[in-house]
PDB file of N, CA and C in Angstrom:
ATOM      1  N   MET A   1      -0.870 -21.018  -2.886  1.00  0.00           N
ATOM      2  CA  MET A   1      -0.938 -20.387  -1.583  1.00  0.00           C
ATOM      3  C   MET A   1      -0.404 -18.954  -1.697  1.00  0.00           C
ATOM      4  N   ALA A   2      -1.070 -18.036  -1.050  1.00  0.00           N
ATOM      5  CA  ALA A   2      -0.701 -16.622  -1.109  1.00  0.00           C
ATOM      6  C   ALA A   2       0.428 -16.309  -0.130  1.00  0.00           C
ATOM      7  N   GLU A   3       1.256 -15.373  -0.534  1.00  0.00           N
ATOM      8  CA  GLU A   3       2.314 -14.866   0.333  1.00  0.00           C
ATOM      9  C   GLU A   3       1.735 -13.691   1.114  1.00  0.00           C
ATOM     10  N   ARG A   4       1.875 -13.704   2.418  1.00  0.00           N
ATOM     11  CA  ARG A   4       1.333 -12.639   3.266  1.00  0.00           C
ATOM     12  C   ARG A   4       2.442 -11.674   3.654  1.00  0.00           C
ATOM     13  N   LEU A   5       2.222 -10.397   3.368  1.00  0.00           N
ATOM     14  CA  LEU A   5       3.169  -9.343   3.703  1.00  0.00           C
ATOM     15  C   LEU A   5       2.520  -8.374   4.670  1.00  0.00           C
ATOM     16  N   ILE A   6       3.304  -7.837   5.584  1.00  0.00           N
ATOM     17  CA  ILE A   6       2.849  -6.774   6.467  1.00  0.00           C
ATOM     18  C   ILE A   6       3.622  -5.526   6.049  1.00  0.00           C
ATOM     19  N   CYS A   7       2.900  -4.496   5.661  1.00  0.00           N
ATOM     20  CA  CYS A   7       3.523  -3.283   5.122  1.00  0.00           C
ATOM     21  C   CYS A   7       3.018  -2.051   5.850  1.00  0.00           C
ATOM     22  N   SER A   8       3.908  -1.077   6.038  1.00  0.00           N
ATOM     23  CA  SER A   8       3.532   0.215   6.622  1.00  0.00           C
ATOM     24  C   SER A   8       3.120   1.139   5.480  1.00  0.00           C
ATOM     25  N   VAL A   9       1.835   1.200   5.234  1.00  0.00           N
ATOM     26  CA  VAL A   9       1.299   1.931   4.089  1.00  0.00           C
ATOM     27  C   VAL A   9       0.895   3.349   4.499  1.00  0.00           C
ATOM     28  N   PRO A  10       1.260   4.341   3.689  1.00  0.00           N
ATOM     29  CA  PRO A  10       0.832   5.709   3.989  1.00  0.00           C
ATOM     30  C   PRO A  10      -0.688   5.794   4.121  1.00  0.00           C
ATOM     31  N   GLU A  11      -1.110   6.441   5.171  1.00  0.00           N
ATOM     32  CA  GLU A  11      -2.540   6.554   5.465  1.00  0.00           C
ATOM     33  C   GLU A  11      -3.316   7.201   4.318  1.00  0.00           C
ATOM     34  N   TYR A  12      -2.697   8.169   3.655  1.00  0.00           N
ATOM     35  CA  TYR A  12      -3.389   8.887   2.585  1.00  0.00           C
ATOM     36  C   TYR A  12      -3.747   7.980   1.402  1.00  0.00           C
ATOM     37  N   ALA A  13      -3.061   6.842   1.266  1.00  0.00           N
ATOM     38  CA  ALA A  13      -3.290   5.957   0.132  1.00  0.00           C
ATOM     39  C   ALA A  13      -4.372   4.912   0.387  1.00  0.00           C
ATOM     40  N   LEU A  14      -4.844   4.796   1.611  1.00  0.00           N
ATOM     41  CA  LEU A  14      -5.810   3.738   1.938  1.00  0.00           C
ATOM     42  C   LEU A  14      -7.101   3.807   1.133  1.00  0.00           C
ATOM     43  N   PRO A  15      -7.716   4.977   0.950  1.00  0.00           N
ATOM     44  CA  PRO A  15      -8.948   4.988   0.145  1.00  0.00           C
ATOM     45  C   PRO A  15      -8.736   4.418  -1.262  1.00  0.00           C
ATOM     46  N   TYR A  16      -7.583   4.689  -1.828  1.00  0.00           N
ATOM     47  CA  TYR A  16      -7.289   4.179  -3.168  1.00  0.00           C
ATOM     48  C   TYR A  16      -7.037   2.673  -3.138  1.00  0.00           C
ATOM     49  N   LEU A  17      -6.245   2.207  -2.198  1.00  0.00           N
ATOM     50  CA  LEU A  17      -5.897   0.788  -2.148  1.00  0.00           C
ATOM     51  C   LEU A  17      -7.067  -0.101  -1.745  1.00  0.00           C
ATOM     52  N   VAL A  18      -7.886   0.372  -0.828  1.00  0.00           N
ATOM     53  CA  VAL A  18      -8.997  -0.448  -0.332  1.00  0.00           C
ATOM     54  C   VAL A  18     -10.237  -0.325  -1.213  1.00  0.00           C
ATOM     55  N   ASN A  19     -10.539   0.914  -1.661  1.00  0.00           N
ATOM     56  CA  ASN A  19     -11.794   1.153  -2.385  1.00  0.00           C
ATOM     57  C   ASN A  19     -11.615   1.630  -3.818  1.00  0.00           C
ATOM     58  N   GLY A  20     -10.377   1.822  -4.260  1.00  0.00           N
ATOM     59  CA  GLY A  20     -10.148   2.308  -5.620  1.00  0.00           C
ATOM     60  C   GLY A  20     -10.437   3.780  -5.803  1.00  0.00           C
ATOM     61  N   ASP A  21     -10.541   4.535  -4.708  1.00  0.00           N
ATOM     62  CA  ASP A  21     -10.857   5.962  -4.764  1.00  0.00           C
ATOM     63  C   ASP A  21      -9.573   6.783  -4.701  1.00  0.00           C
ATOM     64  N   GLY A  22      -9.099   7.245  -5.848  1.00  0.00           N
ATOM     65  CA  GLY A  22      -7.874   8.024  -5.907  1.00  0.00           C
ATOM     66  C   GLY A  22      -8.100   9.509  -6.068  1.00  0.00           C
ATOM     67  N   ASP A  23      -9.332   9.971  -5.827  1.00  0.00           N
ATOM     68  CA  ASP A  23      -9.662  11.386  -6.035  1.00  0.00           C
ATOM     69  C   ASP A  23      -8.802  12.349  -5.231  1.00  0.00           C
ATOM     70  N   SER A  24      -8.389  11.961  -4.043  1.00  0.00           N
ATOM     71  CA  SER A  24      -7.634  12.875  -3.181  1.00  0.00           C
ATOM     72  C   SER A  24      -6.122  12.768  -3.385  1.00  0.00           C
ATOM     73  N   LEU A  25      -5.679  11.898  -4.287  1.00  0.00           N
ATOM     74  CA  LEU A  25      -4.253  11.696  -4.503  1.00  0.00           C
ATOM     75  C   LEU A  25      -3.739  12.516  -5.684  1.00  0.00           C
ATOM     76  N   THR A  26      -2.515  12.967  -5.563  1.00  0.00           N
ATOM     77  CA  THR A  26      -1.872  13.658  -6.677  1.00  0.00           C
ATOM     78  C   THR A  26      -1.404  12.608  -7.692  1.00  0.00           C
ATOM     79  N   GLU A  27      -1.005  13.065  -8.866  1.00  0.00           N
ATOM     80  CA  GLU A  27      -0.471  12.144  -9.867  1.00  0.00           C
ATOM     81  C   GLU A  27       0.782  11.442  -9.339  1.00  0.00           C
ATOM     82  N   GLU A  28       1.606  12.181  -8.596  1.00  0.00           N
ATOM     83  CA  GLU A  28       2.821  11.596  -8.018  1.00  0.00           C
ATOM     84  C   GLU A  28       2.475  10.518  -6.994  1.00  0.00           C
ATOM     85  N   ASP A  29       1.470  10.793  -6.147  1.00  0.00           N
ATOM     86  CA  ASP A  29       1.042   9.798  -5.158  1.00  0.00           C
ATOM     87  C   ASP A  29       0.543   8.535  -5.856  1.00  0.00           C
ATOM     88  N   LEU A  30      -0.282   8.713  -6.878  1.00  0.00           N
ATOM     89  CA  LEU A  30      -0.800   7.557  -7.617  1.00  0.00           C
ATOM     90  C   LEU A  30       0.333   6.764  -8.261  1.00  0.00           C
ATOM     91  N   ALA A  31       1.312   7.470  -8.815  1.00  0.00           N
ATOM     92  CA  ALA A  31       2.455   6.793  -9.431  1.00  0.00           C
ATOM     93  C   ALA A  31       3.238   6.002  -8.386  1.00  0.00           C
ATOM     94  N   ASN A  32       3.417   6.570  -7.188  1.00  0.00           N
ATOM     95  CA  ASN A  32       4.130   5.866  -6.116  1.00  0.00           C
ATOM     96  C   ASN A  32       3.394   4.605  -5.690  1.00  0.00           C
ATOM     97  N   VAL A  33       2.070   4.697  -5.565  1.00  0.00           N
ATOM     98  CA  VAL A  33       1.276   3.528  -5.168  1.00  0.00           C
ATOM     99  C   VAL A  33       1.378   2.445  -6.233  1.00  0.00           C
ATOM    100  N   GLU A  34       1.209   2.824  -7.489  1.00  0.00           N
ATOM    101  CA  GLU A  34       1.243   1.844  -8.567  1.00  0.00           C
ATOM    102  C   GLU A  34       2.626   1.212  -8.703  1.00  0.00           C
ATOM    103  N   LYS A  35       3.679   1.992  -8.518  1.00  0.00           N
ATOM    104  CA  LYS A  35       5.040   1.449  -8.570  1.00  0.00           C
ATOM    105  C   LYS A  35       5.229   0.415  -7.464  1.00  0.00           C
ATOM    106  N   TRP A  36       4.765   0.737  -6.256  1.00  0.00           N
ATOM    107  CA  TRP A  36       4.872  -0.189  -5.126  1.00  0.00           C
ATOM    108  C   TRP A  36       4.098  -1.480  -5.410  1.00  0.00           C
ATOM    109  N   LYS A  37       2.866  -1.341  -5.906  1.00  0.00           N
ATOM    110  CA  LYS A  37       2.067  -2.527  -6.224  1.00  0.00           C
ATOM    111  C   LYS A  37       2.750  -3.375  -7.294  1.00  0.00           C
ATOM    112  N   ASN A  38       3.340  -2.729  -8.296  1.00  0.00           N
ATOM    113  CA  ASN A  38       4.035  -3.463  -9.354  1.00  0.00           C
ATOM    114  C   ASN A  38       5.262  -4.181  -8.822  1.00  0.00           C
ATOM    115  N   GLU A  39       5.951  -3.580  -7.849  1.00  0.00           N
ATOM    116  CA  GLU A  39       7.114  -4.236  -7.246  1.00  0.00           C
ATOM    117  C   GLU A  39       6.706  -5.491  -6.479  1.00  0.00           C
ATOM    118  N   LEU A  40       5.513  -5.482  -5.892  1.00  0.00           N
ATOM    119  CA  LEU A  40       5.022  -6.660  -5.167  1.00  0.00           C
ATOM    120  C   LEU A  40       4.670  -7.797  -6.117  1.00  0.00           C
ATOM    121  N   THR A  41       4.308  -7.447  -7.338  1.00  0.00           N
ATOM    122  CA  THR A  41       3.835  -8.436  -8.307  1.00  0.00           C
ATOM    123  C   THR A  41       4.713  -8.438  -9.554  1.00  0.00           C
ATOM    124  N   ASP A  42       6.003  -8.225  -9.391  1.00  0.00           N
ATOM    125  CA  ASP A  42       6.907  -7.952 -10.501  1.00  0.00           C
ATOM    126  C   ASP A  42       7.167  -9.101 -11.462  1.00  0.00           C
ATOM    127  N   ASP A  43       6.802 -10.306 -11.124  1.00  0.00           N
ATOM    128  CA  ASP A  43       7.095 -11.394 -12.055  1.00  0.00           C
ATOM    129  C   ASP A  43       6.015 -11.572 -13.118  1.00  0.00           C
ATOM    130  N   GLY A  44       4.976 -10.748 -13.073  1.00  0.00           N
ATOM    131  CA  GLY A  44       3.916 -10.818 -14.072  1.00  0.00           C
ATOM    132  C   GLY A  44       2.892 -11.903 -13.812  1.00  0.00           C
ATOM    133  N   LYS A  45       3.153 -12.761 -12.839  1.00  0.00           N
ATOM    134  CA  LYS A  45       2.226 -13.844 -12.536  1.00  0.00           C
ATOM    135  C   LYS A  45       1.483 -13.610 -11.235  1.00  0.00           C
ATOM    136  N   LYS A  46       2.055 -12.781 -10.376  1.00  0.00           N
ATOM    137  CA  LYS A  46       1.453 -12.552  -9.063  1.00  0.00           C
ATOM    138  C   LYS A  46       0.437 -11.407  -9.125  1.00  0.00           C
ATOM    139  N   THR A  47      -0.575 -11.503  -8.308  1.00  0.00           N
ATOM    140  CA  THR A  47      -1.552 -10.426  -8.153  1.00  0.00           C
ATOM    141  C   THR A  47      -1.867 -10.260  -6.676  1.00  0.00           C
ATOM    142  N   ILE A  48      -2.287  -9.064  -6.317  1.00  0.00           N
ATOM    143  CA  ILE A  48      -2.725  -8.816  -4.945  1.00  0.00           C
ATOM    144  C   ILE A  48      -4.148  -9.345  -4.834  1.00  0.00           C
ATOM    145  N   VAL A  49      -4.337 -10.314  -3.963  1.00  0.00           N
ATOM    146  CA  VAL A  49      -5.661 -10.928  -3.826  1.00  0.00           C
ATOM    147  C   VAL A  49      -6.431 -10.387  -2.624  1.00  0.00           C
ATOM    148  N   ARG A  50      -5.718  -9.746  -1.706  1.00  0.00           N
ATOM    149  CA  ARG A  50      -6.410  -9.172  -0.549  1.00  0.00           C
ATOM    150  C   ARG A  50      -5.544  -8.066   0.021  1.00  0.00           C
ATOM    151  N   PHE A  51      -6.197  -6.993   0.396  1.00  0.00           N
ATOM    152  CA  PHE A  51      -5.510  -5.872   1.002  1.00  0.00           C
ATOM    153  C   PHE A  51      -6.383  -5.389   2.147  1.00  0.00           C
ATOM    154  N   SER A  52      -5.859  -5.407   3.375  1.00  0.00           N
ATOM    155  CA  SER A  52      -6.672  -4.949   4.502  1.00  0.00           C
ATOM    156  C   SER A  52      -5.806  -4.229   5.528  1.00  0.00           C
ATOM    157  N   ALA A  53      -6.361  -3.163   6.087  1.00  0.00           N
ATOM    158  CA  ALA A  53      -5.668  -2.373   7.101  1.00  0.00           C
ATOM    159  C   ALA A  53      -5.935  -2.948   8.480  1.00  0.00           C
ATOM    160  N   THR A  54      -4.947  -2.828   9.359  1.00  0.00           N
ATOM    161  CA  THR A  54      -5.114  -3.235  10.750  1.00  0.00           C
ATOM    162  C   THR A  54      -5.366  -1.981  11.584  1.00  0.00           C
ATOM    163  N   ASP A  55      -5.422  -2.136  12.887  1.00  0.00           N
ATOM    164  CA  ASP A  55      -5.612  -0.988  13.774  1.00  0.00           C
ATOM    165  C   ASP A  55      -4.293  -0.337  14.184  1.00  0.00           C
ATOM    166  N   ASP A  56      -3.181  -0.891  13.710  1.00  0.00           N
ATOM    167  CA  ASP A  56      -1.868  -0.358  14.083  1.00  0.00           C
ATOM    168  C   ASP A  56      -1.533   0.863  13.234  1.00  0.00           C
ATOM    169  N   ARG A  57      -1.488   2.016  13.891  1.00  0.00           N
ATOM    170  CA  ARG A  57      -1.228   3.282  13.207  1.00  0.00           C
ATOM    171  C   ARG A  57       0.017   3.921  13.793  1.00  0.00           C
ATOM    172  N   ASN A  58       0.826   4.528  12.922  1.00  0.00           N
ATOM    173  CA  ASN A  58       2.028   5.234  13.330  1.00  0.00           C
ATOM    174  C   ASN A  58       1.870   6.689  12.885  1.00  0.00           C
ATOM    175  N   GLU A  59       1.865   7.613  13.826  1.00  0.00           N
ATOM    176  CA  GLU A  59       1.655   9.033  13.513  1.00  0.00           C
ATOM    177  C   GLU A  59       2.728   9.600  12.594  1.00  0.00           C
ATOM    178  N   PHE A  60       3.956   9.114  12.708  1.00  0.00           N
ATOM    179  CA  PHE A  60       5.034   9.592  11.844  1.00  0.00           C
ATOM    180  C   PHE A  60       6.003   8.454  11.593  1.00  0.00           C
ATOM    181  N   ASN A  61       5.993   7.968  10.374  1.00  0.00           N
ATOM    182  CA  ASN A  61       6.859   6.861   9.987  1.00  0.00           C
ATOM    183  C   ASN A  61       7.876   7.395   8.980  1.00  0.00           C
ATOM    184  N   GLY A  62       9.136   7.323   9.329  1.00  0.00           N
ATOM    185  CA  GLY A  62      10.189   7.794   8.456  1.00  0.00           C
ATOM    186  C   GLY A  62      10.516   6.837   7.328  1.00  0.00           C
ATOM    187  N   ASN A  63       9.919   5.648   7.338  1.00  0.00           N
ATOM    188  CA  ASN A  63      10.227   4.650   6.320  1.00  0.00           C
ATOM    189  C   ASN A  63       8.959   3.907   5.885  1.00  0.00           C
ATOM    190  N   PRO A  64       8.024   4.625   5.259  1.00  0.00           N
ATOM    191  CA  PRO A  64       6.809   3.945   4.806  1.00  0.00           C
ATOM    192  C   PRO A  64       7.092   3.037   3.607  1.00  0.00           C
ATOM    193  N   ALA A  65       6.128   2.232   3.230  1.00  0.00           N
ATOM    194  CA  ALA A  65       6.284   1.317   2.094  1.00  0.00           C
ATOM    195  C   ALA A  65       6.593   2.066   0.807  1.00  0.00           C
ATOM    196  N   PHE A  66       6.107   3.290   0.687  1.00  0.00           N
ATOM    197  CA  PHE A  66       6.386   4.129  -0.476  1.00  0.00           C
ATOM    198  C   PHE A  66       6.149   5.580  -0.094  1.00  0.00           C
ATOM    199  N   GLY A  67       6.702   6.476  -0.875  1.00  0.00           N
ATOM    200  CA  GLY A  67       6.519   7.910  -0.635  1.00  0.00           C
ATOM    201  C   GLY A  67       7.399   8.441   0.480  1.00  0.00           C
ATOM    202  N   LEU A  68       7.097   9.668   0.864  1.00  0.00           N
ATOM    203  CA  LEU A  68       7.852  10.358   1.909  1.00  0.00           C
ATOM    204  C   LEU A  68       7.342   9.994   3.297  1.00  0.00           C
ATOM    205  N   ALA A  69       8.087  10.393   4.328  1.00  0.00           N
ATOM    206  CA  ALA A  69       7.677  10.153   5.715  1.00  0.00           C
ATOM    207  C   ALA A  69       6.283  10.720   5.951  1.00  0.00           C
ATOM    208  N   CYS A  70       5.453   9.946   6.662  1.00  0.00           N
ATOM    209  CA  CYS A  70       4.067  10.357   6.892  1.00  0.00           C
ATOM    210  C   CYS A  70       3.437   9.419   7.929  1.00  0.00           C
ATOM    211  N   ALA A  71       2.163   9.650   8.220  1.00  0.00           N
ATOM    212  CA  ALA A  71       1.406   8.728   9.067  1.00  0.00           C
ATOM    213  C   ALA A  71       1.133   7.453   8.264  1.00  0.00           C
ATOM    214  N   THR A  72       1.312   6.303   8.904  1.00  0.00           N
ATOM    215  CA  THR A  72       1.098   5.035   8.219  1.00  0.00           C
ATOM    216  C   THR A  72       0.175   4.112   9.012  1.00  0.00           C
ATOM    217  N   VAL A  73      -0.334   3.125   8.314  1.00  0.00           N
ATOM    218  CA  VAL A  73      -1.152   2.089   8.913  1.00  0.00           C
ATOM    219  C   VAL A  73      -0.553   0.752   8.488  1.00  0.00           C
ATOM    220  N   GLU A  74      -0.408  -0.143   9.429  1.00  0.00           N
ATOM    221  CA  GLU A  74       0.062  -1.488   9.094  1.00  0.00           C
ATOM    222  C   GLU A  74      -1.024  -2.186   8.301  1.00  0.00           C
ATOM    223  N   CYS A  75      -0.644  -2.757   7.184  1.00  0.00           N
ATOM    224  CA  CYS A  75      -1.603  -3.439   6.319  1.00  0.00           C
ATOM    225  C   CYS A  75      -1.146  -4.847   5.998  1.00  0.00           C
ATOM    226  N   ILE A  76      -2.113  -5.705   5.815  1.00  0.00           N
ATOM    227  CA  ILE A  76      -1.853  -7.074   5.409  1.00  0.00           C
ATOM    228  C   ILE A  76      -2.110  -7.147   3.907  1.00  0.00           C
ATOM    229  N   VAL A  77      -1.114  -7.616   3.179  1.00  0.00           N
ATOM    230  CA  VAL A  77      -1.245  -7.750   1.730  1.00  0.00           C
ATOM    231  C   VAL A  77      -0.975  -9.203   1.378  1.00  0.00           C
ATOM    232  N   ASP A  78      -1.981  -9.847   0.800  1.00  0.00           N
ATOM    233  CA  ASP A  78      -1.822 -11.219   0.321  1.00  0.00           C
ATOM    234  C   ASP A  78      -1.562 -11.162  -1.179  1.00  0.00           C
ATOM    235  N   VAL A  79      -0.407 -11.710  -1.573  1.00  0.00           N
ATOM    236  CA  VAL A  79      -0.005 -11.724  -2.976  1.00  0.00           C
ATOM    237  C   VAL A  79       0.022 -13.170  -3.452  1.00  0.00           C
ATOM    238  N   LYS A  80      -0.623 -13.435  -4.562  1.00  0.00           N
ATOM    239  CA  LYS A  80      -0.688 -14.804  -5.075  1.00  0.00           C
ATOM    240  C   LYS A  80      -0.171 -14.831  -6.505  1.00  0.00           C
TER     241      LYS A  80
END
C-alpha cells in the first residue's frame, strides 16, 4: 500500500515533476528537486508511484517542500 503525502511544491518545479521537463530549471533547482525526491524515498526501497497537483495554490509560501519562498501548489505524492 502506498503512503500518501500532501506537499506544498514550488510551482516552478511542476513541469519537471509531472512531465519530466526540466528545461526551465537551473542546476540548483534540479538539485533541490532531486534531493527532496530522494528524501521521500530514502530507504532505497520506496519509489514515487504517482505525483499530481491539486487546485490549491499559494501565491507566496514561506515554507515550500524545497527551495526558497515562492508560489506553491499543493500536490499529492504517493510513495510505495
